[in-house]
Amino acid sequence: MIHTTHSLRVRYGETDAMKYVYYGNYAEYLEVARVELFRQLGMPYNDIENRGIWLPVSEYHIKYLKPAFYDELLEIHTRIKEMPGVRIVFEYEIFNSEKKKITEASTTLFFLDANTQKVVKCPLFLQQLLERHWQPATK
């Protein structure tokens, strides 16, 4: 399993009239967390794209447990629990500044060859990167 954590602060423009984070902004928060996961593993997302691999999102699931508010520091935990094939699944938990879980989510992405526009298996360079950082799952 791969597990990383990334923090971000809610900006005013990301909130709605109730001062809650607007629900549509969570997709961007998850994207930031995914990109940071690869960066923490030593491969910025741009390097993946420069090697001719794109990762479009095919599924997005989210459950809102509690709202997040303006200026709150959020902590996003991102996990990859299974080695990828043609798809890679990311699971997320978002915690508020009181360390209470406020959101659960998952995204499924697939590997796309940028030149041929065809779905491909996880490229060897990414498979090796994940294997180097893989840890046994903890309960």
N, C-alpha and C. Protein backbone atom coordinates (compact mmCIF):
# COMPACT_ATOMS: atom_id res chain seq x y z
N MET A 1 0.84 -1.18 0.00
CA MET A 1 0.00 0.00 0.00
C MET A 1 0.89 1.25 0.00
N ILE A 2 0.43 2.25 -0.69
CA ILE A 2 1.07 3.57 -0.68
C ILE A 2 0.15 4.49 0.12
N HIS A 3 0.72 5.30 1.01
CA HIS A 3 -0.07 6.24 1.80
C HIS A 3 0.71 7.54 1.93
N THR A 4 0.11 8.64 1.51
CA THR A 4 0.72 9.96 1.67
C THR A 4 -0.30 10.91 2.29
N THR A 5 0.22 12.00 2.82
CA THR A 5 -0.63 13.03 3.43
C THR A 5 -0.23 14.38 2.85
N HIS A 6 -1.23 15.19 2.56
CA HIS A 6 -0.99 16.53 2.05
C HIS A 6 -1.96 17.49 2.75
N SER A 7 -1.48 18.66 3.14
CA SER A 7 -2.33 19.66 3.79
C SER A 7 -2.58 20.82 2.85
N LEU A 8 -3.76 21.40 2.95
CA LEU A 8 -4.07 22.62 2.22
C LEU A 8 -5.05 23.45 3.02
N ARG A 9 -4.99 24.75 2.80
CA ARG A 9 -5.86 25.68 3.53
C ARG A 9 -6.98 26.12 2.59
N VAL A 10 -8.21 26.12 3.10
CA VAL A 10 -9.37 26.52 2.32
C VAL A 10 -9.31 28.02 2.05
N ARG A 11 -9.41 28.37 0.78
CA ARG A 11 -9.42 29.78 0.39
C ARG A 11 -10.86 30.30 0.34
N TYR A 12 -11.02 31.59 0.55
CA TYR A 12 -12.35 32.20 0.61
C TYR A 12 -13.18 31.91 -0.64
N GLY A 13 -12.55 32.00 -1.80
CA GLY A 13 -13.24 31.79 -3.06
C GLY A 13 -13.71 30.36 -3.27
N GLU A 14 -13.31 29.45 -2.41
CA GLU A 14 -13.72 28.04 -2.52
C GLU A 14 -14.97 27.74 -1.70
N THR A 15 -15.50 28.77 -1.03
CA THR A 15 -16.67 28.56 -0.17
C THR A 15 -17.92 29.11 -0.83
N ASP A 16 -19.07 28.64 -0.32
CA ASP A 16 -20.35 29.11 -0.84
C ASP A 16 -20.96 30.13 0.13
N ALA A 17 -22.22 30.47 -0.08
CA ALA A 17 -22.89 31.48 0.74
C ALA A 17 -23.02 31.05 2.21
N MET A 18 -22.98 29.73 2.46
CA MET A 18 -23.08 29.23 3.84
C MET A 18 -21.71 29.17 4.51
N LYS A 19 -20.67 29.58 3.79
CA LYS A 19 -19.27 29.54 4.24
C LYS A 19 -18.72 28.11 4.30
N TYR A 20 -19.44 27.17 3.67
CA TYR A 20 -18.95 25.80 3.50
C TYR A 20 -18.10 25.76 2.23
N VAL A 21 -17.14 24.84 2.19
CA VAL A 21 -16.44 24.61 0.92
C VAL A 21 -17.47 24.11 -0.08
N TYR A 22 -17.53 24.76 -1.22
CA TYR A 22 -18.45 24.36 -2.28
C TYR A 22 -18.12 22.94 -2.73
N TYR A 23 -19.13 22.10 -2.85
CA TYR A 23 -18.90 20.67 -3.08
C TYR A 23 -18.06 20.39 -4.32
N GLY A 24 -18.18 21.20 -5.35
CA GLY A 24 -17.41 20.97 -6.58
C GLY A 24 -15.92 21.15 -6.41
N ASN A 25 -15.49 21.85 -5.36
CA ASN A 25 -14.05 22.07 -5.14
C ASN A 25 -13.34 20.84 -4.61
N TYR A 26 -14.08 19.88 -4.08
CA TYR A 26 -13.42 18.69 -3.55
C TYR A 26 -12.70 17.90 -4.64
N ALA A 27 -13.22 17.89 -5.85
CA ALA A 27 -12.55 17.18 -6.95
C ALA A 27 -11.15 17.77 -7.17
N GLU A 28 -11.03 19.08 -7.07
CA GLU A 28 -9.73 19.72 -7.22
C GLU A 28 -8.82 19.38 -6.04
N TYR A 29 -9.37 19.35 -4.84
CA TYR A 29 -8.57 18.97 -3.67
C TYR A 29 -7.99 17.56 -3.84
N LEU A 30 -8.81 16.65 -4.36
CA LEU A 30 -8.33 15.28 -4.57
C LEU A 30 -7.27 15.23 -5.66
N GLU A 31 -7.43 16.03 -6.68
CA GLU A 31 -6.41 16.09 -7.74
C GLU A 31 -5.09 16.60 -7.17
N VAL A 32 -5.14 17.63 -6.35
CA VAL A 32 -3.92 18.14 -5.72
C VAL A 32 -3.26 17.04 -4.89
N ALA A 33 -4.05 16.30 -4.14
CA ALA A 33 -3.51 15.22 -3.30
C ALA A 33 -2.87 14.12 -4.15
N ARG A 34 -3.51 13.78 -5.28
CA ARG A 34 -2.95 12.76 -6.19
C ARG A 34 -1.61 13.20 -6.77
N VAL A 35 -1.57 14.44 -7.23
CA VAL A 35 -0.33 14.98 -7.80
C VAL A 35 0.76 15.00 -6.73
N GLU A 36 0.41 15.38 -5.52
CA GLU A 36 1.39 15.42 -4.43
C GLU A 36 1.85 14.01 -4.04
N LEU A 37 0.98 13.02 -4.17
CA LEU A 37 1.40 11.64 -3.90
C LEU A 37 2.56 11.28 -4.82
N PHE A 38 2.42 11.52 -6.12
CA PHE A 38 3.50 11.20 -7.05
C PHE A 38 4.75 12.02 -6.75
N ARG A 39 4.58 13.28 -6.40
CA ARG A 39 5.73 14.12 -6.07
C ARG A 39 6.47 13.56 -4.85
N GLN A 40 5.72 13.15 -3.81
CA GLN A 40 6.33 12.59 -2.62
C GLN A 40 7.05 11.27 -2.91
N LEU A 41 6.59 10.55 -3.93
CA LEU A 41 7.27 9.30 -4.32
C LEU A 41 8.51 9.58 -5.18
N GLY A 42 8.68 10.82 -5.59
CA GLY A 42 9.87 11.18 -6.35
C GLY A 42 9.64 11.35 -7.84
N MET A 43 8.38 11.38 -8.28
CA MET A 43 8.09 11.57 -9.70
C MET A 43 6.96 12.58 -9.86
N PRO A 44 7.31 13.84 -10.11
CA PRO A 44 6.26 14.83 -10.35
C PRO A 44 5.37 14.40 -11.52
N TYR A 45 4.10 14.74 -11.41
CA TYR A 45 3.11 14.34 -12.42
C TYR A 45 3.54 14.76 -13.83
N ASN A 46 4.15 15.92 -13.92
CA ASN A 46 4.62 16.40 -15.22
C ASN A 46 5.60 15.42 -15.86
N ASP A 47 6.43 14.75 -15.05
CA ASP A 47 7.37 13.75 -15.58
C ASP A 47 6.62 12.57 -16.19
N ILE A 48 5.50 12.19 -15.58
CA ILE A 48 4.70 11.09 -16.13
C ILE A 48 4.16 11.48 -17.50
N GLU A 49 3.61 12.69 -17.59
CA GLU A 49 3.10 13.16 -18.88
C GLU A 49 4.20 13.32 -19.92
N ASN A 50 5.37 13.79 -19.48
CA ASN A 50 6.50 13.93 -20.42
C ASN A 50 6.98 12.59 -20.96
N ARG A 51 6.64 11.50 -20.27
CA ARG A 51 6.97 10.15 -20.74
C ARG A 51 5.86 9.57 -21.60
N GLY A 52 4.87 10.39 -21.91
CA GLY A 52 3.82 9.98 -22.84
C GLY A 52 2.65 9.25 -22.22
N ILE A 53 2.44 9.40 -20.92
CA ILE A 53 1.33 8.74 -20.24
C ILE A 53 0.40 9.80 -19.65
N TRP A 54 -0.87 9.68 -19.96
CA TRP A 54 -1.90 10.51 -19.36
C TRP A 54 -2.73 9.65 -18.42
N LEU A 55 -3.32 10.28 -17.43
CA LEU A 55 -4.14 9.56 -16.45
C LEU A 55 -5.51 10.22 -16.31
N PRO A 56 -6.42 9.97 -17.26
CA PRO A 56 -7.76 10.54 -17.13
C PRO A 56 -8.57 9.85 -16.03
N VAL A 57 -9.45 10.61 -15.40
CA VAL A 57 -10.33 10.08 -14.37
C VAL A 57 -11.52 9.41 -15.05
N SER A 58 -11.83 8.17 -14.63
CA SER A 58 -13.00 7.48 -15.17
C SER A 58 -14.12 7.34 -14.14
N GLU A 59 -13.77 7.40 -12.85
CA GLU A 59 -14.78 7.33 -11.80
C GLU A 59 -14.39 8.26 -10.65
N TYR A 60 -15.43 8.79 -10.00
CA TYR A 60 -15.24 9.70 -8.87
C TYR A 60 -16.39 9.46 -7.91
N HIS A 61 -16.07 9.05 -6.70
CA HIS A 61 -17.08 8.81 -5.67
C HIS A 61 -16.70 9.62 -4.44
N ILE A 62 -17.71 10.23 -3.81
CA ILE A 62 -17.41 11.04 -2.63
C ILE A 62 -18.57 10.97 -1.65
N LYS A 63 -18.21 11.00 -0.38
CA LYS A 63 -19.20 11.04 0.69
C LYS A 63 -18.81 12.19 1.61
N TYR A 64 -19.71 13.16 1.75
CA TYR A 64 -19.47 14.31 2.61
C TYR A 64 -20.01 13.98 4.00
N LEU A 65 -19.14 14.00 4.99
CA LEU A 65 -19.54 13.69 6.35
C LEU A 65 -19.80 14.94 7.17
N LYS A 66 -18.96 15.94 6.98
CA LYS A 66 -19.08 17.24 7.67
C LYS A 66 -18.53 18.30 6.72
N PRO A 67 -18.96 19.54 6.87
CA PRO A 67 -18.44 20.59 5.99
C PRO A 67 -17.03 21.05 6.40
N ALA A 68 -16.33 21.57 5.42
CA ALA A 68 -15.07 22.28 5.66
C ALA A 68 -15.37 23.76 5.47
N PHE A 69 -14.60 24.61 6.15
CA PHE A 69 -14.89 26.04 6.18
C PHE A 69 -13.68 26.87 5.73
N TYR A 70 -13.97 28.12 5.39
CA TYR A 70 -12.93 29.07 5.00
C TYR A 70 -11.81 29.11 6.03
N ASP A 71 -10.58 29.13 5.54
CA ASP A 71 -9.34 29.26 6.31
C ASP A 71 -9.01 28.04 7.16
N GLU A 72 -9.79 26.99 7.03
CA GLU A 72 -9.51 25.76 7.78
C GLU A 72 -8.37 25.00 7.09
N LEU A 73 -7.48 24.46 7.88
CA LEU A 73 -6.40 23.65 7.35
C LEU A 73 -6.88 22.21 7.26
N LEU A 74 -6.92 21.69 6.04
CA LEU A 74 -7.37 20.33 5.80
C LEU A 74 -6.18 19.41 5.59
N GLU A 75 -6.33 18.18 6.02
CA GLU A 75 -5.29 17.17 5.82
C GLU A 75 -5.92 16.06 4.97
N ILE A 76 -5.31 15.79 3.82
CA ILE A 76 -5.84 14.79 2.89
C ILE A 76 -4.92 13.58 2.90
N HIS A 77 -5.48 12.45 3.27
CA HIS A 77 -4.74 11.19 3.25
C HIS A 77 -5.11 10.48 1.94
N THR A 78 -4.10 10.10 1.18
CA THR A 78 -4.31 9.45 -0.11
C THR A 78 -3.66 8.08 -0.07
N ARG A 79 -4.40 7.07 -0.53
CA ARG A 79 -3.90 5.70 -0.51
C ARG A 79 -4.09 5.02 -1.85
N ILE A 80 -3.12 4.19 -2.19
CA ILE A 80 -3.26 3.23 -3.28
C ILE A 80 -3.15 1.88 -2.59
N LYS A 81 -4.23 1.10 -2.63
CA LYS A 81 -4.25 -0.16 -1.90
C LYS A 81 -3.93 -1.38 -2.76
N GLU A 82 -4.01 -1.22 -4.08
CA GLU A 82 -3.73 -2.33 -4.99
C GLU A 82 -2.82 -1.85 -6.10
N MET A 83 -1.90 -2.73 -6.49
CA MET A 83 -1.03 -2.39 -7.61
C MET A 83 -1.89 -2.25 -8.86
N PRO A 84 -1.61 -1.25 -9.69
CA PRO A 84 -2.46 -1.00 -10.86
C PRO A 84 -2.24 -1.97 -12.00
N GLY A 85 -3.29 -2.12 -12.80
CA GLY A 85 -3.21 -2.82 -14.07
C GLY A 85 -3.36 -1.76 -15.16
N VAL A 86 -4.53 -1.70 -15.79
CA VAL A 86 -4.81 -0.60 -16.72
C VAL A 86 -5.46 0.57 -15.99
N ARG A 87 -5.89 0.30 -14.74
CA ARG A 87 -6.49 1.33 -13.90
C ARG A 87 -5.72 1.46 -12.60
N ILE A 88 -5.83 2.63 -12.01
CA ILE A 88 -5.25 2.86 -10.69
C ILE A 88 -6.33 3.54 -9.84
N VAL A 89 -6.53 3.01 -8.64
CA VAL A 89 -7.58 3.52 -7.75
C VAL A 89 -6.92 4.24 -6.57
N PHE A 90 -7.36 5.46 -6.33
CA PHE A 90 -6.90 6.26 -5.20
C PHE A 90 -8.05 6.38 -4.22
N GLU A 91 -7.76 6.18 -2.94
CA GLU A 91 -8.75 6.38 -1.89
C GLU A 91 -8.29 7.54 -1.03
N TYR A 92 -9.25 8.33 -0.56
CA TYR A 92 -8.94 9.56 0.17
C TYR A 92 -9.76 9.65 1.45
N GLU A 93 -9.17 10.27 2.44
CA GLU A 93 -9.88 10.71 3.63
C GLU A 93 -9.42 12.13 3.89
N ILE A 94 -10.38 13.01 4.13
CA ILE A 94 -10.05 14.40 4.43
C ILE A 94 -10.43 14.67 5.88
N PHE A 95 -9.48 15.26 6.61
CA PHE A 95 -9.69 15.59 8.02
C PHE A 95 -9.64 17.09 8.18
N ASN A 96 -10.46 17.62 9.11
CA ASN A 96 -10.46 19.05 9.37
C ASN A 96 -9.36 19.39 10.39
N SER A 97 -9.32 20.64 10.79
CA SER A 97 -8.27 21.10 11.71
C SER A 97 -8.42 20.50 13.10
N GLU A 98 -9.58 19.94 13.40
CA GLU A 98 -9.79 19.26 14.68
C GLU A 98 -9.49 17.76 14.58
N LYS A 99 -8.93 17.34 13.44
CA LYS A 99 -8.56 15.94 13.17
C LYS A 99 -9.78 15.03 13.06
N LYS A 100 -10.94 15.60 12.71
CA LYS A 100 -12.15 14.82 12.50
C LYS A 100 -12.30 14.56 11.00
N LYS A 101 -12.62 13.31 10.67
CA LYS A 101 -12.81 12.98 9.26
C LYS A 101 -14.07 13.65 8.74
N ILE A 102 -13.93 14.39 7.64
CA ILE A 102 -15.06 15.12 7.08
C ILE A 102 -15.48 14.60 5.71
N THR A 103 -14.60 13.85 5.05
CA THR A 103 -14.90 13.40 3.69
C THR A 103 -14.20 12.07 3.42
N GLU A 104 -14.88 11.19 2.68
CA GLU A 104 -14.29 9.97 2.15
C GLU A 104 -14.52 10.00 0.65
N ALA A 105 -13.52 9.57 -0.12
CA ALA A 105 -13.68 9.61 -1.58
C ALA A 105 -12.76 8.59 -2.24
N SER A 106 -13.04 8.36 -3.51
CA SER A 106 -12.14 7.54 -4.33
C SER A 106 -12.22 8.03 -5.77
N THR A 107 -11.12 7.85 -6.46
CA THR A 107 -11.09 8.13 -7.90
C THR A 107 -10.41 6.95 -8.59
N THR A 108 -10.90 6.63 -9.77
CA THR A 108 -10.29 5.61 -10.61
C THR A 108 -9.81 6.31 -11.86
N LEU A 109 -8.54 6.10 -12.18
CA LEU A 109 -7.95 6.67 -13.38
C LEU A 109 -7.44 5.52 -14.24
N PHE A 110 -7.28 5.76 -15.52
CA PHE A 110 -6.70 4.74 -16.38
C PHE A 110 -5.49 5.31 -17.11
N PHE A 111 -4.62 4.41 -17.52
CA PHE A 111 -3.39 4.79 -18.20
C PHE A 111 -3.68 4.90 -19.69
N LEU A 112 -3.34 6.05 -20.26
CA LEU A 112 -3.60 6.32 -21.66
C LEU A 112 -2.30 6.73 -22.34
N ASP A 113 -1.97 6.05 -23.43
CA ASP A 113 -0.80 6.43 -24.22
C ASP A 113 -1.13 7.74 -24.92
N ALA A 114 -0.37 8.79 -24.65
CA ALA A 114 -0.66 10.12 -25.19
C ALA A 114 -0.56 10.16 -26.71
N ASN A 115 0.29 9.33 -27.29
CA ASN A 115 0.47 9.35 -28.75
C ASN A 115 -0.61 8.57 -29.48
N THR A 116 -0.92 7.37 -29.00
CA THR A 116 -1.89 6.51 -29.69
C THR A 116 -3.31 6.71 -29.21
N GLN A 117 -3.47 7.37 -28.04
CA GLN A 117 -4.79 7.55 -27.42
C GLN A 117 -5.44 6.21 -27.08
N LYS A 118 -4.61 5.22 -26.79
CA LYS A 118 -5.11 3.89 -26.42
C LYS A 118 -4.82 3.62 -24.95
N VAL A 119 -5.73 2.89 -24.32
CA VAL A 119 -5.55 2.47 -22.94
C VAL A 119 -4.42 1.44 -22.90
N VAL A 120 -3.52 1.61 -21.92
CA VAL A 120 -2.38 0.71 -21.77
C VAL A 120 -2.27 0.25 -20.32
N LYS A 121 -1.51 -0.81 -20.10
CA LYS A 121 -1.22 -1.23 -18.73
C LYS A 121 -0.31 -0.20 -18.07
N CYS A 122 -0.28 -0.23 -16.76
CA CYS A 122 0.62 0.65 -16.01
C CYS A 122 2.02 0.50 -16.56
N PRO A 123 2.64 1.59 -17.00
CA PRO A 123 3.98 1.48 -17.56
C PRO A 123 5.00 1.00 -16.52
N LEU A 124 6.02 0.34 -17.01
CA LEU A 124 7.03 -0.26 -16.14
C LEU A 124 7.65 0.78 -15.20
N PHE A 125 7.94 1.98 -15.68
CA PHE A 125 8.58 2.97 -14.81
C PHE A 125 7.70 3.34 -13.62
N LEU A 126 6.38 3.37 -13.81
CA LEU A 126 5.48 3.66 -12.69
C LEU A 126 5.30 2.44 -11.79
N GLN A 127 5.24 1.26 -12.40
CA GLN A 127 5.15 0.03 -11.62
C GLN A 127 6.35 -0.08 -10.68
N GLN A 128 7.53 0.18 -11.19
CA GLN A 128 8.75 0.10 -10.38
C GLN A 128 8.75 1.16 -9.28
N LEU A 129 8.29 2.36 -9.60
CA LEU A 129 8.21 3.42 -8.60
C LEU A 129 7.31 3.01 -7.45
N LEU A 130 6.13 2.49 -7.77
CA LEU A 130 5.19 2.06 -6.73
C LEU A 130 5.76 0.90 -5.92
N GLU A 131 6.38 -0.05 -6.58
CA GLU A 131 6.97 -1.20 -5.87
C GLU A 131 8.04 -0.76 -4.88
N ARG A 132 8.84 0.25 -5.25
CA ARG A 132 9.90 0.73 -4.35
C ARG A 132 9.33 1.32 -3.06
N HIS A 133 8.12 1.86 -3.13
CA HIS A 133 7.53 2.54 -1.98
C HIS A 133 6.41 1.73 -1.32
N TRP A 134 6.14 0.56 -1.83
CA TRP A 134 5.02 -0.25 -1.34
C TRP A 134 5.27 -0.71 0.08
N GLN A 135 4.27 -0.57 0.92
CA GLN A 135 4.34 -1.00 2.32
C GLN A 135 3.21 -1.98 2.59
N PRO A 136 3.42 -2.93 3.48
CA PRO A 136 2.30 -3.81 3.85
C PRO A 136 1.18 -2.98 4.46
N ALA A 137 -0.06 -3.39 4.19
CA ALA A 137 -1.21 -2.67 4.74
C ALA A 137 -1.25 -2.82 6.25
N THR A 138 -1.62 -1.74 6.92
CA THR A 138 -1.78 -1.76 8.37
C THR A 138 -3.25 -1.66 8.70
N LYS A 139 -3.64 -2.17 9.82
CA LYS A 139 -5.05 -2.14 10.20
C LYS A 139 -5.40 -0.87 10.90
